[in-house]
Amino acid sequence: MKTLILGGSTFVGRRMVNLLVEEWHDVSVLNRGKTASNLPEGVGRIVGDRTSTESMREALGGTEWDAVIDVSGFVMAAGGGQFEELIAMLDGRVGAYVFVSSIMAYEPSGIMPWTEDAPRTADPITTYGGFKAHAERAILDLQAKTGFPGSVARPAAIYGPDNNIHDMETAMFLRLRRGLPILMPHEGFVTTSYGHVDDLCLNLREMAQTPAAAGEVVNITGEGASARAWTELLAGIVGAEPDIVEISTGYTDRKPLFGHLFNAKHHGILSVAKAKELGLTVERGIELGYRETYEWFCSTDLVDAPDQLSDPMWGAGYDFALEAEVAAELRAR
């Protein structure tokens, strides 16, 4: 399968490249060429700026693909107004187009699990979730109008090797290994669906090869866990006793104090019934997935990561000194 990956330098994109190369696909990657990336031998490299229609035309003009898998379709990388031009450019030149959306495209609801026909967020296109919802509508509108073979995959929290969002499992593994306090908002009740990155990539490839997926939005994720249960699960894998300190809502506005998935807006569980109906491979269990992730983590330099770290793209990070300061304040009350 001749496949183009939009993105491909980090996390989901890079794991997608690895999967397809291992399966002997003909793989090319399109990105701005600004992120250092040692791609496997034989992977094609195309430089293009997806915020510029002219740049994308120059990069993709005259090309045809069995599949395009879009992992860089988020507002920080794709901008706000070029998306319709991109998919129109690909229409008639791709066998399948799979867009990686997000649980953030949903309008939050206390009725769970969330199914694909639930309302989308009304957030503006300049936000992460708002851009994802906008892109979804554009894909489905074009599919209905021309038969464009586009489909949408909606993952929830993605974890696993090469995760470049530092305030998720990386920060928690470090807290547990170092015996640091773990600040827990909302009594640990915020519950989220978690999915392994490699299972997501497999499902993306399967969607690209499943004609019935065209025109569909499909939730792609694994099991759910509350913030407290997730912390206790990782503690058991690390072999440490978690030092949990509950923090009340509004106690302080100092940040970052805990992983972003512990916030109330991430309280949501996805239904994967449609994915099963399409015959997509079912996720590995959450415990197995995190055990494998911890094994990978222990083989990397992340075990010696500093006590403060942030990511310039996502703005996600941790500050263990600040967390300890707030934990001490709470214990002194």
Protein backbone atom coordinates (compact mmCIF):
# COMPACT_ATOMS: atom_id res chain seq x y z
CA MET A 1 0.00 0.00 0.00
CA LYS A 2 1.46 3.35 -1.08
CA THR A 3 0.83 5.51 1.97
CA LEU A 4 1.43 9.17 2.78
CA ILE A 5 1.57 10.22 6.41
CA LEU A 6 0.92 13.87 7.14
CA GLY A 7 3.18 14.36 10.12
CA GLY A 8 5.43 11.48 11.05
CA SER A 9 8.22 13.01 13.10
CA THR A 10 6.92 12.37 16.61
CA PHE A 11 4.77 9.99 18.66
CA VAL A 12 1.70 8.82 16.70
CA GLY A 13 3.17 9.73 13.32
CA ARG A 14 6.50 8.08 14.01
CA ARG A 15 4.87 4.93 15.41
CA MET A 16 2.64 4.88 12.31
CA VAL A 17 5.73 4.98 10.10
CA ASN A 18 7.28 2.10 12.04
CA LEU A 19 4.16 -0.06 11.72
CA LEU A 20 3.83 0.44 7.98
CA VAL A 21 7.53 -0.11 7.31
CA GLU A 22 7.43 -3.35 9.30
CA GLU A 23 4.48 -4.45 7.15
CA TRP A 24 6.43 -3.65 3.96
CA HIS A 25 4.28 -0.75 2.85
CA ASP A 26 5.59 1.99 0.55
CA VAL A 27 5.68 4.90 3.00
CA SER A 28 6.27 8.64 2.59
CA VAL A 29 6.09 11.38 5.21
CA LEU A 30 5.12 15.01 4.68
CA ASN A 31 6.06 17.64 7.24
CA ARG A 32 7.79 21.00 7.42
CA GLY A 33 11.18 19.36 7.81
CA LYS A 34 11.90 21.36 10.95
CA THR A 35 11.80 18.53 13.49
CA ALA A 36 14.83 16.25 13.61
CA SER A 37 13.71 12.71 12.86
CA ASN A 38 15.67 9.60 11.96
CA LEU A 39 13.13 7.89 9.74
CA PRO A 40 13.68 4.27 8.69
CA GLU A 41 15.59 3.63 5.50
CA GLY A 42 13.43 3.80 2.38
CA VAL A 43 10.81 6.17 3.80
CA GLY A 44 10.13 9.03 1.39
CA ARG A 45 10.42 12.59 2.66
CA ILE A 46 8.25 15.41 1.34
CA VAL A 47 8.61 18.94 2.69
CA GLY A 48 5.44 20.98 2.84
CA ASP A 49 3.78 23.53 5.11
CA ARG A 50 0.15 22.57 5.59
CA THR A 51 -0.75 26.09 6.67
CA SER A 52 -0.02 27.14 3.07
CA THR A 53 -2.20 25.87 0.22
CA GLU A 54 0.49 26.87 -2.26
CA SER A 55 3.15 24.92 -0.37
CA MET A 56 0.95 21.81 -0.26
CA ARG A 57 0.17 22.06 -3.98
CA GLU A 58 3.88 22.25 -4.75
CA ALA A 59 4.60 19.29 -2.45
CA LEU A 60 1.78 17.01 -3.59
CA GLY A 61 1.12 18.09 -7.16
CA GLY A 62 0.79 15.10 -9.50
CA THR A 63 0.96 12.52 -6.70
CA GLU A 64 -1.51 9.71 -6.01
CA TRP A 65 -1.78 7.53 -2.92
CA ASP A 66 -3.52 4.36 -1.86
CA ALA A 67 -3.94 5.94 1.57
CA VAL A 68 -3.26 9.22 3.33
CA ILE A 69 -3.19 9.13 7.13
CA ASP A 70 -3.36 12.58 8.69
CA VAL A 71 -1.83 12.71 12.15
CA SER A 72 -0.84 16.40 12.05
CA GLY A 73 -4.34 17.83 11.67
CA PHE A 74 -4.44 19.98 14.79
CA VAL A 75 -4.64 23.74 15.04
CA MET A 76 -1.07 24.30 16.29
CA ALA A 77 0.36 22.63 13.19
CA ALA A 78 -2.36 23.03 10.59
CA GLY A 79 -3.60 26.55 11.21
CA GLY A 80 -7.25 27.46 11.02
CA GLY A 81 -8.34 27.97 7.44
CA GLN A 82 -6.51 25.69 5.00
CA PHE A 83 -8.14 22.36 5.73
CA GLU A 84 -10.87 22.37 3.08
CA GLU A 85 -8.28 23.21 0.41
CA LEU A 86 -6.13 20.26 1.47
CA ILE A 87 -8.82 17.60 1.22
CA ALA A 88 -10.16 19.09 -2.02
CA MET A 89 -6.63 18.78 -3.39
CA LEU A 90 -6.55 15.10 -2.43
CA ASP A 91 -10.03 14.30 -3.72
CA GLY A 92 -9.81 11.89 -6.65
CA ARG A 93 -6.15 11.12 -5.93
CA VAL A 94 -6.41 8.91 -2.83
CA GLY A 95 -7.87 5.49 -2.18
CA ALA A 96 -8.54 6.39 1.45
CA TYR A 97 -7.98 9.37 3.73
CA VAL A 98 -8.00 8.79 7.50
CA PHE A 99 -8.04 11.83 9.77
CA VAL A 100 -6.92 11.52 13.38
CA SER A 101 -9.39 13.59 15.40
CA SER A 102 -9.83 13.58 19.18
CA ILE A 103 -12.25 13.07 22.03
CA MET A 104 -11.97 16.87 22.33
CA ALA A 105 -14.21 17.16 19.23
CA TYR A 106 -17.17 16.09 21.42
CA GLU A 107 -19.43 18.42 23.32
CA PRO A 108 -18.89 17.13 26.89
CA SER A 109 -21.81 15.25 28.39
CA GLY A 110 -22.44 13.35 31.58
CA ILE A 111 -24.24 10.64 29.60
CA MET A 112 -21.62 7.97 28.88
CA PRO A 113 -20.22 6.25 26.95
CA TRP A 114 -20.03 8.85 24.19
CA THR A 115 -21.07 7.52 20.81
CA GLU A 116 -20.06 8.93 17.45
CA ASP A 117 -23.46 10.53 16.81
CA ALA A 118 -23.23 12.72 19.94
CA PRO A 119 -22.99 16.51 19.41
CA ARG A 120 -19.63 18.05 18.50
CA THR A 121 -18.09 20.91 20.45
CA ALA A 122 -19.03 24.45 19.49
CA ASP A 123 -15.57 25.73 20.47
CA PRO A 124 -14.00 28.08 17.89
CA ILE A 125 -11.76 26.76 15.11
CA THR A 126 -8.79 28.40 16.82
CA THR A 127 -8.96 25.84 19.66
CA TYR A 128 -7.72 22.26 19.58
CA GLY A 129 -11.15 20.65 19.87
CA GLY A 130 -12.83 23.26 17.71
CA PHE A 131 -10.40 22.66 14.86
CA LYS A 132 -10.88 18.89 15.10
CA ALA A 133 -14.68 19.32 14.92
CA HIS A 134 -14.32 21.69 11.96
CA ALA A 135 -12.11 19.21 10.10
CA GLU A 136 -14.54 16.37 10.76
CA ARG A 137 -17.43 18.33 9.26
CA ALA A 138 -15.37 19.24 6.21
CA ILE A 139 -14.43 15.60 5.58
CA LEU A 140 -17.97 14.31 5.93
CA ASP A 141 -19.39 17.13 3.80
CA LEU A 142 -16.92 16.41 0.99
CA GLN A 143 -17.57 12.67 1.26
CA ALA A 144 -21.30 13.25 0.88
CA LYS A 145 -20.77 15.65 -2.04
CA THR A 146 -18.16 13.83 -4.15
CA GLY A 147 -17.64 10.41 -2.58
CA PHE A 148 -14.29 11.49 -1.12
CA PRO A 149 -13.04 8.35 0.72
CA GLY A 150 -12.49 10.15 4.00
CA SER A 151 -12.98 8.74 7.48
CA VAL A 152 -12.38 10.04 10.99
CA ALA A 153 -10.73 8.26 13.91
CA ARG A 154 -11.45 9.71 17.35
CA PRO A 155 -8.97 8.57 20.00
CA ALA A 156 -9.14 9.58 23.65
CA ALA A 157 -5.97 9.69 25.81
CA ILE A 158 -3.10 8.14 23.83
CA TYR A 159 -0.19 6.63 25.75
CA GLY A 160 2.82 4.49 24.99
CA PRO A 161 6.42 4.61 23.74
CA ASP A 162 7.64 7.97 22.40
CA ASN A 163 4.82 9.94 24.04
CA ASN A 164 5.83 13.59 23.70
CA ILE A 165 3.17 14.91 26.10
CA HIS A 166 5.21 15.01 29.28
CA ASP A 167 2.50 15.38 31.91
CA MET A 168 0.99 11.93 31.34
CA GLU A 169 2.69 8.61 32.16
CA THR A 170 6.21 10.04 32.07
CA ALA A 171 5.50 12.43 34.94
CA MET A 172 3.62 9.77 36.92
CA PHE A 173 6.35 7.15 36.50
CA LEU A 174 8.87 9.72 37.77
CA ARG A 175 6.75 10.72 40.78
CA LEU A 176 6.31 7.10 41.77
CA ARG A 177 9.95 6.16 41.29
CA ARG A 178 11.11 9.19 43.31
CA GLY A 179 8.53 8.96 46.08
CA LEU A 180 7.06 12.37 45.29
CA PRO A 181 3.58 13.60 46.27
CA ILE A 182 0.79 13.18 43.72
CA LEU A 183 -1.77 15.98 43.75
CA MET A 184 -5.24 14.62 43.04
CA PRO A 185 -8.11 16.98 42.11
CA HIS A 186 -11.83 16.15 42.12
CA GLU A 187 -11.18 13.31 44.62
CA GLY A 188 -9.71 11.29 41.75
CA PHE A 189 -13.09 10.72 40.11
CA VAL A 190 -12.27 12.18 36.66
CA THR A 191 -12.50 9.18 34.35
CA THR A 192 -10.94 8.92 30.89
CA SER A 193 -10.54 6.32 28.15
CA TYR A 194 -6.91 5.31 27.48
CA GLY A 195 -5.55 3.77 24.28
CA HIS A 196 -2.10 2.45 23.36
CA VAL A 197 -0.43 4.31 20.51
CA ASP A 198 0.45 1.14 18.59
CA ASP A 199 -3.15 -0.10 18.74
CA LEU A 200 -4.31 3.26 17.43
CA CYS A 201 -1.84 3.02 14.54
CA LEU A 202 -3.01 -0.49 13.69
CA ASN A 203 -6.63 0.68 13.68
CA LEU A 204 -5.74 3.63 11.43
CA ARG A 205 -4.18 1.27 8.91
CA GLU A 206 -7.21 -1.01 9.14
CA MET A 207 -9.57 1.92 8.54
CA ALA A 208 -7.57 2.87 5.44
CA GLN A 209 -8.13 -0.65 4.11
CA THR A 210 -11.81 -0.91 5.08
CA PRO A 211 -14.10 0.59 2.41
CA ALA A 212 -17.02 0.62 4.85
CA ALA A 213 -15.12 3.13 7.02
CA ALA A 214 -15.48 5.88 4.39
CA GLY A 215 -17.81 8.59 5.60
CA GLU A 216 -17.68 7.31 9.17
CA VAL A 217 -16.48 8.74 12.47
CA VAL A 218 -15.06 5.94 14.62
CA ASN A 219 -14.01 6.05 18.26
CA ILE A 220 -10.62 4.37 18.72
CA THR A 221 -9.49 3.70 22.29
CA GLY A 222 -9.12 1.16 25.05
CA GLU A 223 -10.33 0.79 28.62
CA GLY A 224 -11.27 3.68 30.89
CA ALA A 225 -9.97 4.50 34.34
CA SER A 226 -10.53 7.16 36.97
CA ALA A 227 -7.56 9.36 37.85
CA ARG A 228 -7.15 7.54 41.17
CA ALA A 229 -7.44 4.07 39.62
CA TRP A 230 -4.99 5.05 36.85
CA THR A 231 -2.50 6.30 39.43
CA GLU A 232 -2.85 3.13 41.51
CA LEU A 233 -2.45 0.99 38.38
CA LEU A 234 0.81 2.69 37.46
CA ALA A 235 1.97 2.49 41.07
CA GLY A 236 1.50 -1.27 41.02
CA ILE A 237 3.48 -1.53 37.78
CA VAL A 238 6.33 0.60 39.16
CA GLY A 239 6.23 -1.22 42.49
CA ALA A 240 5.70 1.88 44.63
CA GLU A 241 3.16 3.15 47.13
CA PRO A 242 1.49 6.28 45.72
CA ASP A 243 1.66 9.35 47.98
CA ILE A 244 -1.70 10.85 47.01
CA VAL A 245 -2.63 14.31 48.28
CA GLU A 246 -6.12 15.55 47.46
CA ILE A 247 -6.40 19.15 46.28
CA SER A 248 -9.68 21.02 46.34
CA THR A 249 -11.03 22.88 43.32
CA GLY A 250 -9.81 26.47 43.26
CA TYR A 251 -7.23 26.01 46.02
CA THR A 252 -4.56 27.65 43.87
CA ASP A 253 -4.13 28.81 40.30
CA ARG A 254 -0.45 27.91 40.23
CA LYS A 255 0.38 25.52 37.38
CA PRO A 256 1.25 22.83 36.48
CA LEU A 257 0.11 20.85 39.50
CA PHE A 258 -1.06 17.60 37.91
CA GLY A 259 -1.57 15.95 34.54
CA HIS A 260 -4.08 17.68 32.28
CA LEU A 261 -6.14 14.48 32.08
CA PHE A 262 -7.06 14.93 35.76
CA ASN A 263 -9.06 18.06 34.88
CA ALA A 264 -12.87 17.87 34.85
CA LYS A 265 -13.09 18.64 31.12
CA HIS A 266 -11.43 15.29 30.40
CA HIS A 267 -14.18 13.35 32.17
CA GLY A 268 -15.49 11.20 29.34
CA ILE A 269 -15.66 7.57 28.22
CA LEU A 270 -15.91 6.54 24.57
CA SER A 271 -17.97 3.72 23.11
CA VAL A 272 -16.01 1.50 20.70
CA ALA A 273 -19.03 -0.47 19.45
CA LYS A 274 -18.70 0.93 15.93
CA ALA A 275 -15.00 0.00 15.75
CA LYS A 276 -15.93 -3.57 16.64
CA GLU A 277 -18.70 -3.59 14.02
CA LEU A 278 -16.13 -2.55 11.39
CA GLY A 279 -13.91 -5.45 12.45
CA LEU A 280 -11.08 -3.30 13.82
CA THR A 281 -8.60 -4.99 16.15
CA VAL A 282 -9.57 -4.64 19.81
CA GLU A 283 -7.15 -2.75 22.08
CA ARG A 284 -4.77 -4.59 24.36
CA GLY A 285 -5.74 -4.30 28.02
CA ILE A 286 -4.77 -1.15 29.91
CA GLU A 287 -2.57 -3.01 32.42
CA LEU A 288 -0.63 -4.84 29.70
CA GLY A 289 -0.27 -1.63 27.73
CA TYR A 290 1.19 0.31 30.63
CA ARG A 291 3.47 -2.56 31.67
CA GLU A 292 4.94 -2.54 28.17
CA THR A 293 5.17 1.25 28.27
CA TYR A 294 7.00 1.20 31.60
CA GLU A 295 9.47 -1.34 30.25
CA TRP A 296 10.15 1.02 27.35
CA PHE A 297 10.39 4.02 29.72
CA CYS A 298 13.03 2.27 31.84
CA SER A 299 15.17 1.74 28.74
CA THR A 300 15.30 5.47 27.94
CA ASP A 301 16.92 8.62 29.31
CA LEU A 302 13.52 9.64 30.69
CA VAL A 303 14.30 7.80 33.92
CA ASP A 304 16.74 10.65 34.65
CA ALA A 305 14.47 13.44 33.42
CA PRO A 306 14.72 16.74 35.35
CA ASP A 307 12.27 17.79 38.05
CA GLN A 308 10.73 20.35 35.71
CA LEU A 309 9.89 19.72 32.06
CA SER A 310 7.54 21.21 29.48
CA ASP A 311 6.76 20.69 25.82
CA PRO A 312 6.85 23.75 23.54
CA MET A 313 4.20 22.35 21.16
CA TRP A 314 1.56 21.20 23.63
CA GLY A 315 2.40 23.37 26.61
CA ALA A 316 2.15 20.25 28.75
CA GLY A 317 4.62 19.55 31.51
CA TYR A 318 5.27 19.18 35.21
CA ASP A 319 7.05 20.98 38.03
CA PHE A 320 7.81 18.66 40.93
CA ALA A 321 9.11 21.46 43.20
CA LEU A 322 5.83 23.35 42.83
CA GLU A 323 3.84 20.17 43.42
CA ALA A 324 5.81 19.50 46.63
CA GLU A 325 5.26 23.08 47.81
CA VAL A 326 1.49 22.84 47.34
CA ALA A 327 1.40 19.36 48.92
CA ALA A 328 3.19 20.74 52.00
CA GLU A 329 0.68 23.60 52.23
CA LEU A 330 -2.23 21.17 52.08
CA ARG A 331 -0.76 18.88 54.73
CA ALA A 332 -0.14 21.81 57.04
CA ARG A 333 -3.79 22.89 56.97
